[in-house]
Amino acid sequence: MKRLLICTGLVMTLGLGLTYAASGNVDKKELVCMINDEVLGKPGSAVESNGKTYTTCCEMCKKKIQKEPAKYTQAKDPVSGEKVDKADAFIYGMDGKAYYFASAANRKTFADNPGKFLKK
């Protein structure tokens, strides 16, 4: 029985790791901490700011967005360079990190060749 529990725990841990490592469109915004820009393994907590809903992973992040919404609600589209509101953005997750886009077309362009847009 103990061996079965250990194996089950290991499989669950590996599954969670694969969730974070997976790349792809994130259509469920509740799976993104919009403060840390991380794709979550489970739905986060919703917080309202300026009439829009943002998702956070914890109470600390929730307080950050309430205190400084302008700092945490905006992102830069890596393809177009334009400023986007995270609540309205198209999201792509890669290696556990969330990227925000002004359009589905920009998100697809990024997905086809992320390295082109992540170079510094």
Protein backbone atom coordinates (compact mmCIF):
# COMPACT_ATOMS: atom_id res chain seq x y z
CA MET A 1 0.00 0.00 0.00
CA LYS A 2 2.81 2.40 0.89
CA ARG A 3 4.49 1.69 -2.44
CA LEU A 4 1.23 2.42 -4.28
CA LEU A 5 0.87 5.78 -2.51
CA ILE A 6 4.44 6.74 -3.36
CA CYS A 7 3.93 5.82 -7.02
CA THR A 8 0.66 7.72 -7.16
CA GLY A 9 2.29 10.80 -5.64
CA LEU A 10 5.16 10.59 -8.12
CA VAL A 11 2.81 10.31 -11.09
CA MET A 12 0.79 13.30 -9.86
CA THR A 13 3.94 15.36 -9.38
CA LEU A 14 5.20 14.51 -12.85
CA GLY A 15 1.79 15.35 -14.31
CA LEU A 16 1.84 18.75 -12.63
CA GLY A 17 5.35 19.34 -13.97
CA LEU A 18 4.17 18.55 -17.48
CA THR A 19 1.34 21.03 -17.08
CA TYR A 20 3.83 23.78 -16.25
CA ALA A 21 6.25 22.76 -19.02
CA ALA A 22 3.58 22.49 -21.73
CA SER A 23 3.30 25.16 -24.39
CA GLY A 24 0.13 26.36 -25.99
CA ASN A 25 -2.82 28.71 -26.01
CA VAL A 26 -4.27 29.48 -22.61
CA ASP A 27 -7.94 30.15 -23.21
CA LYS A 28 -8.97 29.86 -19.56
CA LYS A 29 -7.65 33.03 -17.98
CA GLU A 30 -8.37 31.67 -14.51
CA LEU A 31 -5.33 29.43 -15.05
CA VAL A 32 -2.93 32.38 -15.10
CA CYS A 33 -1.50 34.42 -12.25
CA MET A 34 -1.52 37.83 -13.89
CA ILE A 35 0.86 39.23 -11.29
CA ASN A 36 3.63 36.65 -11.68
CA ASP A 37 2.72 35.92 -15.32
CA GLU A 38 2.67 32.19 -14.58
CA VAL A 39 0.44 29.43 -15.91
CA LEU A 40 -1.16 27.74 -12.91
CA GLY A 41 -1.94 24.06 -12.38
CA LYS A 42 -5.39 24.96 -11.02
CA PRO A 43 -7.70 27.98 -11.19
CA GLY A 44 -6.53 31.04 -9.27
CA SER A 45 -8.54 33.70 -7.45
CA ALA A 46 -10.38 36.43 -9.30
CA VAL A 47 -9.89 40.07 -8.38
CA GLU A 48 -11.77 43.06 -9.85
CA SER A 49 -10.00 46.23 -10.85
CA ASN A 50 -11.40 49.09 -12.93
CA GLY A 51 -14.35 46.95 -13.99
CA LYS A 52 -12.23 44.05 -15.26
CA THR A 53 -11.41 40.66 -13.81
CA TYR A 54 -7.83 39.53 -13.27
CA THR A 55 -6.58 36.25 -11.82
CA THR A 56 -4.01 35.82 -9.07
CA CYS A 57 -2.44 32.79 -7.45
CA CYS A 58 -2.62 33.95 -3.82
CA GLU A 59 -3.71 36.66 -1.40
CA MET A 60 -0.36 38.45 -1.66
CA CYS A 61 -0.78 38.83 -5.44
CA LYS A 62 -4.39 39.89 -4.96
CA LYS A 63 -3.25 42.71 -2.66
CA LYS A 64 -0.59 43.80 -5.16
CA ILE A 65 -3.10 44.25 -7.95
CA GLN A 66 -5.49 46.11 -5.64
CA LYS A 67 -2.70 48.43 -4.48
CA GLU A 68 -1.03 49.12 -7.85
CA PRO A 69 -3.36 48.07 -10.68
CA ALA A 70 -1.56 50.10 -13.35
CA LYS A 71 1.67 48.24 -12.62
CA TYR A 72 0.19 44.74 -12.86
CA THR A 73 -2.72 44.84 -15.32
CA GLN A 74 -0.75 45.75 -18.45
CA ALA A 75 1.69 43.75 -20.57
CA LYS A 76 3.63 44.25 -23.79
CA ASP A 77 2.67 42.11 -26.78
CA PRO A 78 5.99 40.45 -27.79
CA VAL A 79 5.00 40.44 -31.48
CA SER A 80 3.62 43.95 -32.04
CA GLY A 81 5.18 45.71 -29.06
CA GLU A 82 1.84 47.28 -28.18
CA LYS A 83 0.50 47.59 -24.66
CA VAL A 84 -2.32 45.16 -23.81
CA ASP A 85 -4.60 44.81 -20.84
CA LYS A 86 -4.09 41.34 -19.36
CA ALA A 87 -7.83 40.88 -18.78
CA ASP A 88 -8.51 41.34 -22.51
CA ALA A 89 -5.37 39.70 -23.90
CA PHE A 90 -4.92 36.46 -25.81
CA ILE A 91 -2.58 34.30 -23.71
CA TYR A 92 0.06 31.77 -24.65
CA GLY A 93 1.88 29.66 -22.07
CA MET A 94 5.40 28.36 -22.48
CA ASP A 95 7.53 26.67 -19.83
CA GLY A 96 5.10 27.87 -17.16
CA LYS A 97 5.30 31.53 -18.22
CA ALA A 98 2.33 33.45 -19.63
CA TYR A 99 2.71 35.79 -22.61
CA TYR A 100 -0.02 38.29 -23.54
CA PHE A 101 -1.11 39.34 -27.05
CA ALA A 102 -3.35 41.97 -28.58
CA SER A 103 -4.80 39.50 -31.11
CA ALA A 104 -5.14 35.79 -31.86
CA ALA A 105 -3.02 36.38 -34.98
CA ASN A 106 -0.14 37.77 -32.88
CA ARG A 107 -0.41 34.81 -30.51
CA LYS A 108 -0.19 32.39 -33.46
CA THR A 109 2.77 34.25 -34.93
CA PHE A 110 4.54 33.92 -31.58
CA ALA A 111 3.62 30.24 -31.23
CA ASP A 112 5.09 29.47 -34.65
CA ASN A 113 8.51 30.86 -33.69
CA PRO A 114 8.80 32.01 -30.03
CA GLY A 115 12.58 32.28 -30.17
CA LYS A 116 12.32 35.09 -32.70
CA PHE A 117 10.40 37.23 -30.22
CA LEU A 118 12.14 36.26 -26.99
CA LYS A 119 15.63 37.28 -28.12
CA LYS A 120 16.93 40.28 -26.23
